[in-house]
Amino acid sequence: MKQSITLYGIPNCDTVKKARAWLTEQQVAVTFHDFKKQGVPEDRLDHWLATVGWEKLLNRQGTTWRKLDPATQAGVRDAQSARSLMLAQASVIKRPVVEWNTRDVSVGFDAASWQSRLQ
């Protein structure tokens, strides 16, 4: 069965650039979903939250998170509050999010892990 891979992110994100370049080197066909142009698909976000959890999906190291006021940051305490913030500000989602098939999801770029998924 041929994998259907979708990479979600922002084109100017360095990690997304690295990930896309790596996939191109591996000659893997990928569908790219641009959060800036296409938004965050709510049904997919719900799937990611259920699969990897909101703590892994929320990027607390990024510029967008650091620019949020302390009250907004403190308000993110569970999956529902994290989901609301992610829909409002896609840049707080750790990138890239990759759907390797309909169920398998990864967050961030890890060449070794990705290589094993392509086997």
PDB file of N, CA and C in Angstrom:
ATOM      1  N   MET A   1       0.832  -1.193   0.000  1.00  0.00           N
ATOM      2  CA  MET A   1       0.000   0.000   0.000  1.00  0.00           C
ATOM      3  C   MET A   1       0.872   1.250   0.000  1.00  0.00           C
ATOM      4  N   LYS A   2       0.588   2.152  -0.889  1.00  0.00           N
ATOM      5  CA  LYS A   2       1.339   3.409  -0.970  1.00  0.00           C
ATOM      6  C   LYS A   2       0.881   4.343   0.133  1.00  0.00           C
ATOM      7  N   GLN A   3       1.848   4.923   0.839  1.00  0.00           N
ATOM      8  CA  GLN A   3       1.500   5.846   1.913  1.00  0.00           C
ATOM      9  C   GLN A   3       0.974   7.157   1.361  1.00  0.00           C
ATOM     10  N   SER A   4       0.038   7.712   2.095  1.00  0.00           N
ATOM     11  CA  SER A   4      -0.474   9.031   1.782  1.00  0.00           C
ATOM     12  C   SER A   4       0.009   9.940   2.903  1.00  0.00           C
ATOM     13  N   ILE A   5       1.022  10.748   2.626  1.00  0.00           N
ATOM     14  CA  ILE A   5       1.654  11.565   3.654  1.00  0.00           C
ATOM     15  C   ILE A   5       1.245  13.026   3.490  1.00  0.00           C
ATOM     16  N   THR A   6       0.797  13.614   4.595  1.00  0.00           N
ATOM     17  CA  THR A   6       0.465  15.036   4.605  1.00  0.00           C
ATOM     18  C   THR A   6       1.315  15.708   5.672  1.00  0.00           C
ATOM     19  N   LEU A   7       2.012  16.763   5.279  1.00  0.00           N
ATOM     20  CA  LEU A   7       2.845  17.531   6.196  1.00  0.00           C
ATOM     21  C   LEU A   7       2.157  18.873   6.431  1.00  0.00           C
ATOM     22  N   TYR A   8       1.901  19.175   7.688  1.00  0.00           N
ATOM     23  CA  TYR A   8       1.236  20.418   8.074  1.00  0.00           C
ATOM     24  C   TYR A   8       2.271  21.345   8.688  1.00  0.00           C
ATOM     25  N   GLY A   9       2.221  22.612   8.315  1.00  0.00           N
ATOM     26  CA  GLY A   9       3.152  23.562   8.893  1.00  0.00           C
ATOM     27  C   GLY A   9       3.070  24.922   8.233  1.00  0.00           C
ATOM     28  N   ILE A  10       4.156  25.640   8.396  1.00  0.00           N
ATOM     29  CA  ILE A  10       4.283  26.996   7.862  1.00  0.00           C
ATOM     30  C   ILE A  10       5.538  26.995   6.986  1.00  0.00           C
ATOM     31  N   PRO A  11       5.427  27.454   5.729  1.00  0.00           N
ATOM     32  CA  PRO A  11       6.543  27.319   4.792  1.00  0.00           C
ATOM     33  C   PRO A  11       7.858  27.970   5.223  1.00  0.00           C
ATOM     34  N   ASN A  12       7.793  29.071   5.964  1.00  0.00           N
ATOM     35  CA  ASN A  12       9.049  29.745   6.338  1.00  0.00           C
ATOM     36  C   ASN A  12       9.634  29.239   7.654  1.00  0.00           C
ATOM     37  N   CYS A  13       9.020  28.242   8.271  1.00  0.00           N
ATOM     38  CA  CYS A  13       9.548  27.636   9.502  1.00  0.00           C
ATOM     39  C   CYS A  13      10.778  26.794   9.144  1.00  0.00           C
ATOM     40  N   ASP A  14      11.899  27.022   9.832  1.00  0.00           N
ATOM     41  CA  ASP A  14      13.142  26.300   9.528  1.00  0.00           C
ATOM     42  C   ASP A  14      12.980  24.785   9.640  1.00  0.00           C
ATOM     43  N   THR A  15      12.287  24.324  10.661  1.00  0.00           N
ATOM     44  CA  THR A  15      12.106  22.878  10.841  1.00  0.00           C
ATOM     45  C   THR A  15      11.256  22.299   9.719  1.00  0.00           C
ATOM     46  N   VAL A  16      10.243  23.018   9.300  1.00  0.00           N
ATOM     47  CA  VAL A  16       9.401  22.563   8.187  1.00  0.00           C
ATOM     48  C   VAL A  16      10.233  22.515   6.911  1.00  0.00           C
ATOM     49  N   LYS A  17      11.084  23.518   6.693  1.00  0.00           N
ATOM     50  CA  LYS A  17      11.952  23.527   5.509  1.00  0.00           C
ATOM     51  C   LYS A  17      12.859  22.305   5.504  1.00  0.00           C
ATOM     52  N   LYS A  18      13.479  22.018   6.668  1.00  0.00           N
ATOM     53  CA  LYS A  18      14.359  20.851   6.777  1.00  0.00           C
ATOM     54  C   LYS A  18      13.592  19.565   6.499  1.00  0.00           C
ATOM     55  N   ALA A  19      12.416  19.465   7.075  1.00  0.00           N
ATOM     56  CA  ALA A  19      11.599  18.256   6.912  1.00  0.00           C
ATOM     57  C   ALA A  19      11.207  18.052   5.452  1.00  0.00           C
ATOM     58  N   ARG A  20      10.785  19.114   4.809  1.00  0.00           N
ATOM     59  CA  ARG A  20      10.379  19.007   3.405  1.00  0.00           C
ATOM     60  C   ARG A  20      11.571  18.646   2.520  1.00  0.00           C
ATOM     61  N   ALA A  21      12.729  19.233   2.806  1.00  0.00           N
ATOM     62  CA  ALA A  21      13.940  18.918   2.041  1.00  0.00           C
ATOM     63  C   ALA A  21      14.321  17.451   2.229  1.00  0.00           C
ATOM     64  N   TRP A  22      14.238  16.970   3.450  1.00  0.00           N
ATOM     65  CA  TRP A  22      14.580  15.577   3.745  1.00  0.00           C
ATOM     66  C   TRP A  22      13.638  14.630   2.984  1.00  0.00           C
ATOM     67  N   LEU A  23      12.343  14.916   3.021  1.00  0.00           N
ATOM     68  CA  LEU A  23      11.375  14.069   2.315  1.00  0.00           C
ATOM     69  C   LEU A  23      11.627  14.090   0.807  1.00  0.00           C
ATOM     70  N   THR A  24      12.007  15.248   0.279  1.00  0.00           N
ATOM     71  CA  THR A  24      12.329  15.355  -1.151  1.00  0.00           C
ATOM     72  C   THR A  24      13.548  14.492  -1.473  1.00  0.00           C
ATOM     73  N   GLU A  25      14.568  14.545  -0.601  1.00  0.00           N
ATOM     74  CA  GLU A  25      15.768  13.714  -0.797  1.00  0.00           C
ATOM     75  C   GLU A  25      15.417  12.228  -0.815  1.00  0.00           C
ATOM     76  N   GLN A  26      14.444  11.850   0.000  1.00  0.00           N
ATOM     77  CA  GLN A  26      14.012  10.445   0.063  1.00  0.00           C
ATOM     78  C   GLN A  26      13.068  10.094  -1.095  1.00  0.00           C
ATOM     79  N   GLN A  27      12.778  11.086  -1.924  1.00  0.00           N
ATOM     80  CA  GLN A  27      11.868  10.930  -3.060  1.00  0.00           C
ATOM     81  C   GLN A  27      10.482  10.464  -2.615  1.00  0.00           C
ATOM     82  N   VAL A  28      10.012  11.091  -1.548  1.00  0.00           N
ATOM     83  CA  VAL A  28       8.704  10.774  -0.990  1.00  0.00           C
ATOM     84  C   VAL A  28       7.720  11.864  -1.416  1.00  0.00           C
ATOM     85  N   ALA A  29       6.602  11.428  -1.962  1.00  0.00           N
ATOM     86  CA  ALA A  29       5.555  12.374  -2.357  1.00  0.00           C
ATOM     87  C   ALA A  29       4.778  12.791  -1.116  1.00  0.00           C
ATOM     88  N   VAL A  30       4.633  14.097  -0.959  1.00  0.00           N
ATOM     89  CA  VAL A  30       3.986  14.641   0.228  1.00  0.00           C
ATOM     90  C   VAL A  30       3.001  15.725  -0.177  1.00  0.00           C
ATOM     91  N   THR A  31       1.881  15.761   0.512  1.00  0.00           N
ATOM     92  CA  THR A  31       0.948  16.866   0.364  1.00  0.00           C
ATOM     93  C   THR A  31       1.284  17.862   1.473  1.00  0.00           C
ATOM     94  N   PHE A  32       1.474  19.132   1.116  1.00  0.00           N
ATOM     95  CA  PHE A  32       1.796  20.151   2.121  1.00  0.00           C
ATOM     96  C   PHE A  32       0.557  20.976   2.432  1.00  0.00           C
ATOM     97  N   HIS A  33       0.263  21.098   3.715  1.00  0.00           N
ATOM     98  CA  HIS A  33      -0.870  21.916   4.162  1.00  0.00           C
ATOM     99  C   HIS A  33      -0.295  23.122   4.900  1.00  0.00           C
ATOM    100  N   ASP A  34      -0.514  24.296   4.342  1.00  0.00           N
ATOM    101  CA  ASP A  34       0.019  25.543   4.888  1.00  0.00           C
ATOM    102  C   ASP A  34      -0.979  26.151   5.887  1.00  0.00           C
ATOM    103  N   PHE A  35      -0.586  26.144   7.164  1.00  0.00           N
ATOM    104  CA  PHE A  35      -1.459  26.710   8.201  1.00  0.00           C
ATOM    105  C   PHE A  35      -1.811  28.168   7.916  1.00  0.00           C
ATOM    106  N   LYS A  36      -0.859  28.931   7.366  1.00  0.00           N
ATOM    107  CA  LYS A  36      -1.094  30.360   7.132  1.00  0.00           C
ATOM    108  C   LYS A  36      -2.155  30.584   6.052  1.00  0.00           C
ATOM    109  N   LYS A  37      -2.104  29.780   4.996  1.00  0.00           N
ATOM    110  CA  LYS A  37      -3.036  29.957   3.882  1.00  0.00           C
ATOM    111  C   LYS A  37      -4.310  29.146   4.047  1.00  0.00           C
ATOM    112  N   GLN A  38      -4.195  27.955   4.618  1.00  0.00           N
ATOM    113  CA  GLN A  38      -5.326  27.034   4.652  1.00  0.00           C
ATOM    114  C   GLN A  38      -5.948  26.877   6.039  1.00  0.00           C
ATOM    115  N   GLY A  39      -5.290  27.440   7.047  1.00  0.00           N
ATOM    116  CA  GLY A  39      -5.807  27.320   8.403  1.00  0.00           C
ATOM    117  C   GLY A  39      -5.552  25.948   9.007  1.00  0.00           C
ATOM    118  N   VAL A  40      -6.036  25.778  10.214  1.00  0.00           N
ATOM    119  CA  VAL A  40      -5.891  24.508  10.923  1.00  0.00           C
ATOM    120  C   VAL A  40      -7.200  23.730  10.740  1.00  0.00           C
ATOM    121  N   PRO A  41      -7.124  22.554  10.124  1.00  0.00           N
ATOM    122  CA  PRO A  41      -8.355  21.774   9.948  1.00  0.00           C
ATOM    123  C   PRO A  41      -8.814  21.203  11.296  1.00  0.00           C
ATOM    124  N   GLU A  42      -9.986  21.616  11.740  1.00  0.00           N
ATOM    125  CA  GLU A  42     -10.468  21.229  13.077  1.00  0.00           C
ATOM    126  C   GLU A  42     -10.545  19.731  13.282  1.00  0.00           C
ATOM    127  N   ASP A  43     -11.031  18.997  12.277  1.00  0.00           N
ATOM    128  CA  ASP A  43     -11.141  17.544  12.449  1.00  0.00           C
ATOM    129  C   ASP A  43      -9.769  16.895  12.592  1.00  0.00           C
ATOM    130  N   ARG A  44      -8.785  17.412  11.857  1.00  0.00           N
ATOM    131  CA  ARG A  44      -7.425  16.854  11.963  1.00  0.00           C
ATOM    132  C   ARG A  44      -6.819  17.229  13.306  1.00  0.00           C
ATOM    133  N   LEU A  45      -7.033  18.468  13.750  1.00  0.00           N
ATOM    134  CA  LEU A  45      -6.522  18.906  15.054  1.00  0.00           C
ATOM    135  C   LEU A  45      -7.063  18.000  16.153  1.00  0.00           C
ATOM    136  N   ASP A  46      -8.350  17.682  16.091  1.00  0.00           N
ATOM    137  CA  ASP A  46      -8.944  16.785  17.085  1.00  0.00           C
ATOM    138  C   ASP A  46      -8.263  15.420  17.056  1.00  0.00           C
ATOM    139  N   HIS A  47      -7.956  14.937  15.858  1.00  0.00           N
ATOM    140  CA  HIS A  47      -7.262  13.651  15.719  1.00  0.00           C
ATOM    141  C   HIS A  47      -5.856  13.727  16.323  1.00  0.00           C
ATOM    142  N   TRP A  48      -5.132  14.822  16.032  1.00  0.00           N
ATOM    143  CA  TRP A  48      -3.774  14.967  16.581  1.00  0.00           C
ATOM    144  C   TRP A  48      -3.809  15.027  18.100  1.00  0.00           C
ATOM    145  N   LEU A  49      -4.757  15.785  18.633  1.00  0.00           N
ATOM    146  CA  LEU A  49      -4.879  15.900  20.091  1.00  0.00           C
ATOM    147  C   LEU A  49      -5.141  14.526  20.711  1.00  0.00           C
ATOM    148  N   ALA A  50      -5.988  13.738  20.068  1.00  0.00           N
ATOM    149  CA  ALA A  50      -6.304  12.400  20.578  1.00  0.00           C
ATOM    150  C   ALA A  50      -5.118  11.447  20.422  1.00  0.00           C
ATOM    151  N   THR A  51      -4.331  11.650  19.375  1.00  0.00           N
ATOM    152  CA  THR A  51      -3.233  10.726  19.068  1.00  0.00           C
ATOM    153  C   THR A  51      -1.951  11.047  19.844  1.00  0.00           C
ATOM    154  N   VAL A  52      -1.508  12.311  19.810  1.00  0.00           N
ATOM    155  CA  VAL A  52      -0.219  12.656  20.434  1.00  0.00           C
ATOM    156  C   VAL A  52      -0.369  13.460  21.721  1.00  0.00           C
ATOM    157  N   GLY A  53      -1.559  14.020  21.961  1.00  0.00           N
ATOM    158  CA  GLY A  53      -1.778  14.800  23.181  1.00  0.00           C
ATOM    159  C   GLY A  53      -1.450  16.267  23.003  1.00  0.00           C
ATOM    160  N   TRP A  54      -2.151  17.099  23.750  1.00  0.00           N
ATOM    161  CA  TRP A  54      -1.987  18.549  23.598  1.00  0.00           C
ATOM    162  C   TRP A  54      -0.636  19.040  24.077  1.00  0.00           C
ATOM    163  N   GLU A  55      -0.047  18.374  25.086  1.00  0.00           N
ATOM    164  CA  GLU A  55       1.248  18.829  25.609  1.00  0.00           C
ATOM    165  C   GLU A  55       2.336  18.720  24.547  1.00  0.00           C
ATOM    166  N   LYS A  56       2.286  17.645  23.762  1.00  0.00           N
ATOM    167  CA  LYS A  56       3.290  17.456  22.710  1.00  0.00           C
ATOM    168  C   LYS A  56       3.036  18.397  21.532  1.00  0.00           C
ATOM    169  N   LEU A  57       1.779  18.683  21.280  1.00  0.00           N
ATOM    170  CA  LEU A  57       1.405  19.500  20.122  1.00  0.00           C
ATOM    171  C   LEU A  57       1.626  21.003  20.358  1.00  0.00           C
ATOM    172  N   LEU A  58       1.554  21.423  21.604  1.00  0.00           N
ATOM    173  CA  LEU A  58       1.705  22.844  21.938  1.00  0.00           C
ATOM    174  C   LEU A  58       3.183  23.212  22.017  1.00  0.00           C
ATOM    175  N   ASN A  59       3.595  24.180  21.208  1.00  0.00           N
ATOM    176  CA  ASN A  59       4.999  24.599  21.186  1.00  0.00           C
ATOM    177  C   ASN A  59       5.219  25.742  22.168  1.00  0.00           C
ATOM    178  N   ARG A  60       5.688  25.386  23.351  1.00  0.00           N
ATOM    179  CA  ARG A  60       5.949  26.398  24.377  1.00  0.00           C
ATOM    180  C   ARG A  60       7.323  27.050  24.218  1.00  0.00           C
ATOM    181  N   GLN A  61       8.123  26.574  23.251  1.00  0.00           N
ATOM    182  CA  GLN A  61       9.453  27.159  23.024  1.00  0.00           C
ATOM    183  C   GLN A  61       9.421  28.255  21.954  1.00  0.00           C
ATOM    184  N   GLY A  62       8.355  28.304  21.200  1.00  0.00           N
ATOM    185  CA  GLY A  62       8.304  29.197  20.041  1.00  0.00           C
ATOM    186  C   GLY A  62       8.027  30.650  20.369  1.00  0.00           C
ATOM    187  N   THR A  63       8.324  31.482  19.394  1.00  0.00           N
ATOM    188  CA  THR A  63       8.127  32.925  19.504  1.00  0.00           C
ATOM    189  C   THR A  63       6.673  33.279  19.778  1.00  0.00           C
ATOM    190  N   THR A  64       5.761  32.620  19.089  1.00  0.00           N
ATOM    191  CA  THR A  64       4.334  32.941  19.258  1.00  0.00           C
ATOM    192  C   THR A  64       3.906  32.729  20.707  1.00  0.00           C
ATOM    193  N   TRP A  65       4.308  31.614  21.297  1.00  0.00           N
ATOM    194  CA  TRP A  65       3.966  31.337  22.701  1.00  0.00           C
ATOM    195  C   TRP A  65       4.569  32.405  23.612  1.00  0.00           C
ATOM    196  N   ARG A  66       5.828  32.721  23.387  1.00  0.00           N
ATOM    197  CA  ARG A  66       6.520  33.689  24.258  1.00  0.00           C
ATOM    198  C   ARG A  66       5.908  35.084  24.161  1.00  0.00           C
ATOM    199  N   LYS A  67       5.297  35.406  23.024  1.00  0.00           N
ATOM    200  CA  LYS A  67       4.669  36.718  22.843  1.00  0.00           C
ATOM    201  C   LYS A  67       3.283  36.808  23.485  1.00  0.00           C
ATOM    202  N   LEU A  68       2.711  35.657  23.832  1.00  0.00           N
ATOM    203  CA  LEU A  68       1.385  35.676  24.455  1.00  0.00           C
ATOM    204  C   LEU A  68       1.476  36.275  25.851  1.00  0.00           C
ATOM    205  N   ASP A  69       0.408  36.951  26.262  1.00  0.00           N
ATOM    206  CA  ASP A  69       0.437  37.511  27.612  1.00  0.00           C
ATOM    207  C   ASP A  69       0.340  36.368  28.630  1.00  0.00           C
ATOM    208  N   PRO A  70       0.880  36.576  29.832  1.00  0.00           N
ATOM    209  CA  PRO A  70       0.908  35.527  30.856  1.00  0.00           C
ATOM    210  C   PRO A  70      -0.466  34.932  31.178  1.00  0.00           C
ATOM    211  N   ALA A  71      -1.506  35.745  31.125  1.00  0.00           N
ATOM    212  CA  ALA A  71      -2.858  35.240  31.411  1.00  0.00           C
ATOM    213  C   ALA A  71      -3.293  34.227  30.353  1.00  0.00           C
ATOM    214  N   THR A  72      -2.986  34.504  29.095  1.00  0.00           N
ATOM    215  CA  THR A  72      -3.332  33.572  28.017  1.00  0.00           C
ATOM    216  C   THR A  72      -2.546  32.280  28.185  1.00  0.00           C
ATOM    217  N   GLN A  73      -1.248  32.404  28.456  1.00  0.00           N
ATOM    218  CA  GLN A  73      -0.419  31.216  28.673  1.00  0.00           C
ATOM    219  C   GLN A  73      -0.965  30.383  29.839  1.00  0.00           C
ATOM    220  N   ALA A  74      -1.294  31.044  30.943  1.00  0.00           N
ATOM    221  CA  ALA A  74      -1.791  30.349  32.132  1.00  0.00           C
ATOM    222  C   ALA A  74      -3.147  29.689  31.877  1.00  0.00           C
ATOM    223  N   GLY A  75      -3.890  30.229  30.911  1.00  0.00           N
ATOM    224  CA  GLY A  75      -5.204  29.688  30.598  1.00  0.00           C
ATOM    225  C   GLY A  75      -5.174  28.374  29.843  1.00  0.00           C
ATOM    226  N   VAL A  76      -3.997  27.987  29.345  1.00  0.00           N
ATOM    227  CA  VAL A  76      -3.875  26.723  28.615  1.00  0.00           C
ATOM    228  C   VAL A  76      -3.531  25.631  29.625  1.00  0.00           C
ATOM    229  N   ARG A  77      -4.589  24.909  30.041  1.00  0.00           N
ATOM    230  CA  ARG A  77      -4.410  23.915  31.101  1.00  0.00           C
ATOM    231  C   ARG A  77      -4.849  22.514  30.706  1.00  0.00           C
ATOM    232  N   ASP A  78      -5.506  22.393  29.563  1.00  0.00           N
ATOM    233  CA  ASP A  78      -6.010  21.088  29.154  1.00  0.00           C
ATOM    234  C   ASP A  78      -6.184  21.068  27.633  1.00  0.00           C
ATOM    235  N   ALA A  79      -6.656  19.931  27.124  1.00  0.00           N
ATOM    236  CA  ALA A  79      -6.791  19.770  25.674  1.00  0.00           C
ATOM    237  C   ALA A  79      -7.746  20.792  25.074  1.00  0.00           C
ATOM    238  N   GLN A  80      -8.838  21.096  25.765  1.00  0.00           N
ATOM    239  CA  GLN A  80      -9.826  22.022  25.213  1.00  0.00           C
ATOM    240  C   GLN A  80      -9.270  23.448  25.107  1.00  0.00           C
ATOM    241  N   SER A  81      -8.585  23.910  26.152  1.00  0.00           N
ATOM    242  CA  SER A  81      -8.021  25.260  26.108  1.00  0.00           C
ATOM    243  C   SER A  81      -6.874  25.336  25.104  1.00  0.00           C
ATOM    244  N   ALA A  82      -6.083  24.272  25.001  1.00  0.00           N
ATOM    245  CA  ALA A  82      -4.993  24.237  24.019  1.00  0.00           C
ATOM    246  C   ALA A  82      -5.574  24.246  22.607  1.00  0.00           C
ATOM    247  N   ARG A  83      -6.656  23.488  22.387  1.00  0.00           N
ATOM    248  CA  ARG A  83      -7.307  23.422  21.075  1.00  0.00           C
ATOM    249  C   ARG A  83      -7.793  24.801  20.652  1.00  0.00           C
ATOM    250  N   SER A  84      -8.421  25.513  21.563  1.00  0.00           N
ATOM    251  CA  SER A  84      -8.931  26.855  21.246  1.00  0.00           C
ATOM    252  C   SER A  84      -7.796  27.784  20.825  1.00  0.00           C
ATOM    253  N   LEU A  85      -6.690  27.736  21.560  1.00  0.00           N
ATOM    254  CA  LEU A  85      -5.542  28.580  21.226  1.00  0.00           C
ATOM    255  C   LEU A  85      -4.947  28.178  19.879  1.00  0.00           C
ATOM    256  N   MET A  86      -4.838  26.882  19.629  1.00  0.00           N
ATOM    257  CA  MET A  86      -4.257  26.407  18.363  1.00  0.00           C
ATOM    258  C   MET A  86      -5.106  26.822  17.162  1.00  0.00           C
ATOM    259  N   LEU A  87      -6.407  26.824  17.332  1.00  0.00           N
ATOM    260  CA  LEU A  87      -7.286  27.263  16.237  1.00  0.00           C
ATOM    261  C   LEU A  87      -7.168  28.766  16.015  1.00  0.00           C
ATOM    262  N   ALA A  88      -6.986  29.505  17.098  1.00  0.00           N
ATOM    263  CA  ALA A  88      -6.871  30.967  16.999  1.00  0.00           C
ATOM    264  C   ALA A  88      -5.495  31.395  16.499  1.00  0.00           C
ATOM    265  N   GLN A  89      -4.461  30.661  16.902  1.00  0.00           N
ATOM    266  CA  GLN A  89      -3.080  31.012  16.550  1.00  0.00           C
ATOM    267  C   GLN A  89      -2.330  29.748  16.154  1.00  0.00           C
ATOM    268  N   ALA A  90      -2.393  29.405  14.886  1.00  0.00           N
ATOM    269  CA  ALA A  90      -1.783  28.163  14.386  1.00  0.00           C
ATOM    270  C   ALA A  90      -0.292  28.073  14.694  1.00  0.00           C
ATOM    271  N   SER A  91       0.366  29.206  14.852  1.00  0.00           N
ATOM    272  CA  SER A  91       1.810  29.199  15.069  1.00  0.00           C
ATOM    273  C   SER A  91       2.216  28.603  16.420  1.00  0.00           C
ATOM    274  N   VAL A  92       1.258  28.371  17.312  1.00  0.00           N
ATOM    275  CA  VAL A  92       1.622  27.727  18.584  1.00  0.00           C
ATOM    276  C   VAL A  92       1.651  26.203  18.455  1.00  0.00           C
ATOM    277  N   ILE A  93       1.293  25.683  17.281  1.00  0.00           N
ATOM    278  CA  ILE A  93       1.365  24.244  17.054  1.00  0.00           C
ATOM    279  C   ILE A  93       2.805  23.894  16.689  1.00  0.00           C
ATOM    280  N   LYS A  94       3.366  22.917  17.412  1.00  0.00           N
ATOM    281  CA  LYS A  94       4.724  22.475  17.110  1.00  0.00           C
ATOM    282  C   LYS A  94       4.737  21.893  15.706  1.00  0.00           C
ATOM    283  N   ARG A  95       5.766  22.225  14.951  1.00  0.00           N
ATOM    284  CA  ARG A  95       5.822  21.831  13.549  1.00  0.00           C
ATOM    285  C   ARG A  95       7.077  21.015  13.238  1.00  0.00           C
ATOM    286  N   PRO A  96       6.970  20.264  12.145  1.00  0.00           N
ATOM    287  CA  PRO A  96       5.758  19.957  11.392  1.00  0.00           C
ATOM    288  C   PRO A  96       4.929  18.865  12.061  1.00  0.00           C
ATOM    289  N   VAL A  97       3.647  18.878  11.755  1.00  0.00           N
ATOM    290  CA  VAL A  97       2.782  17.758  12.109  1.00  0.00           C
ATOM    291  C   VAL A  97       2.684  16.937  10.831  1.00  0.00           C
ATOM    292  N   VAL A  98       2.952  15.639  10.928  1.00  0.00           N
ATOM    293  CA  VAL A  98       2.903  14.783   9.741  1.00  0.00           C
ATOM    294  C   VAL A  98       1.930  13.641   9.979  1.00  0.00           C
ATOM    295  N   GLU A  99       1.031  13.490   9.034  1.00  0.00           N
ATOM    296  CA  GLU A  99       0.140  12.328   9.028  1.00  0.00           C
ATOM    297  C   GLU A  99       0.722  11.355   8.013  1.00  0.00           C
ATOM    298  N   TRP A 100       1.216  10.230   8.528  1.00  0.00           N
ATOM    299  CA  TRP A 100       1.868   9.224   7.685  1.00  0.00           C
ATOM    300  C   TRP A 100       0.849   8.341   6.997  1.00  0.00           C
ATOM    301  N   ASN A 101      -0.305   8.257   7.565  1.00  0.00           N
ATOM    302  CA  ASN A 101      -1.455   7.577   6.973  1.00  0.00           C
ATOM    303  C   ASN A 101      -2.650   8.135   7.741  1.00  0.00           C
ATOM    304  N   THR A 102      -3.748   7.487   7.710  1.00  0.00           N
ATOM    305  CA  THR A 102      -4.923   8.062   8.372  1.00  0.00           C
ATOM    306  C   THR A 102      -4.810   8.073   9.892  1.00  0.00           C
ATOM    307  N   ARG A 103      -3.941   7.223  10.457  1.00  0.00           N
ATOM    308  CA  ARG A 103      -3.857   7.146  11.923  1.00  0.00           C
ATOM    309  C   ARG A 103      -2.528   7.577  12.528  1.00  0.00           C
ATOM    310  N   ASP A 104      -1.423   7.300  11.868  1.00  0.00           N
ATOM    311  CA  ASP A 104      -0.098   7.556  12.436  1.00  0.00           C
ATOM    312  C   ASP A 104       0.292   9.027  12.288  1.00  0.00           C
ATOM    313  N   VAL A 105       0.591   9.672  13.427  1.00  0.00           N
ATOM    314  CA  VAL A 105       0.903  11.103  13.434  1.00  0.00           C
ATOM    315  C   VAL A 105       2.226  11.325  14.159  1.00  0.00           C
ATOM    316  N   SER A 106       3.058  12.209  13.617  1.00  0.00           N
ATOM    317  CA  SER A 106       4.275  12.620  14.324  1.00  0.00           C
ATOM    318  C   SER A 106       4.317  14.141  14.404  1.00  0.00           C
ATOM    319  N   VAL A 107       5.030  14.623  15.413  1.00  0.00           N
ATOM    320  CA  VAL A 107       5.179  16.060  15.622  1.00  0.00           C
ATOM    321  C   VAL A 107       6.667  16.367  15.715  1.00  0.00           C
ATOM    322  N   GLY A 108       7.107  17.372  14.969  1.00  0.00           N
ATOM    323  CA  GLY A 108       8.529  17.703  14.939  1.00  0.00           C
ATOM    324  C   GLY A 108       9.232  16.884  13.864  1.00  0.00           C
ATOM    325  N   PHE A 109      10.518  17.171  13.653  1.00  0.00           N
ATOM    326  CA  PHE A 109      11.293  16.475  12.624  1.00  0.00           C
ATOM    327  C   PHE A 109      12.353  15.611  13.279  1.00  0.00           C
ATOM    328  N   ASP A 110      12.309  14.310  12.965  1.00  0.00           N
ATOM    329  CA  ASP A 110      13.284  13.347  13.473  1.00  0.00           C
ATOM    330  C   ASP A 110      13.580  12.375  12.333  1.00  0.00           C
ATOM    331  N   ALA A 111      14.722  12.582  11.662  1.00  0.00           N
ATOM    332  CA  ALA A 111      15.046  11.804  10.464  1.00  0.00           C
ATOM    333  C   ALA A 111      15.047  10.301  10.730  1.00  0.00           C
ATOM    334  N   ALA A 112      15.596   9.861  11.849  1.00  0.00           N
ATOM    335  CA  ALA A 112      15.671   8.424  12.144  1.00  0.00           C
ATOM    336  C   ALA A 112      14.274   7.822  12.293  1.00  0.00           C
ATOM    337  N   SER A 113      13.428   8.520  13.027  1.00  0.00           N
ATOM    338  CA  SER A 113      12.052   8.055  13.218  1.00  0.00           C
ATOM    339  C   SER A 113      11.301   8.052  11.895  1.00  0.00           C
ATOM    340  N   TRP A 114      11.509   9.073  11.119  1.00  0.00           N
ATOM    341  CA  TRP A 114      10.826   9.171   9.826  1.00  0.00           C
ATOM    342  C   TRP A 114      11.305   8.067   8.881  1.00  0.00           C
ATOM    343  N   GLN A 115      12.610   7.788   8.906  1.00  0.00           N
ATOM    344  CA  GLN A 115      13.163   6.733   8.045  1.00  0.00           C
ATOM    345  C   GLN A 115      12.485   5.400   8.339  1.00  0.00           C
ATOM    346  N   SER A 116      12.302   5.099   9.622  1.00  0.00           N
ATOM    347  CA  SER A 116      11.655   3.837   9.983  1.00  0.00           C
ATOM    348  C   SER A 116      10.201   3.793   9.529  1.00  0.00           C
ATOM    349  N   ARG A 117       9.539   4.933   9.495  1.00  0.00           N
ATOM    350  CA  ARG A 117       8.152   4.977   9.019  1.00  0.00           C
ATOM    351  C   ARG A 117       8.064   4.714   7.518  1.00  0.00           C
ATOM    352  N   LEU A 118       9.127   5.022   6.800  1.00  0.00           N
ATOM    353  CA  LEU A 118       9.124   4.849   5.343  1.00  0.00           C
ATOM    354  C   LEU A 118       9.479   3.433   4.913  1.00  0.00           C
ATOM    355  N   GLN A 119       9.956   2.623   5.854  1.00  0.00           N
ATOM    356  CA  GLN A 119      10.381   1.247   5.537  1.00  0.00           C
ATOM    357  C   GLN A 119       9.211   0.415   5.091  1.00  0.00           C
TER     358      GLN A 119
END
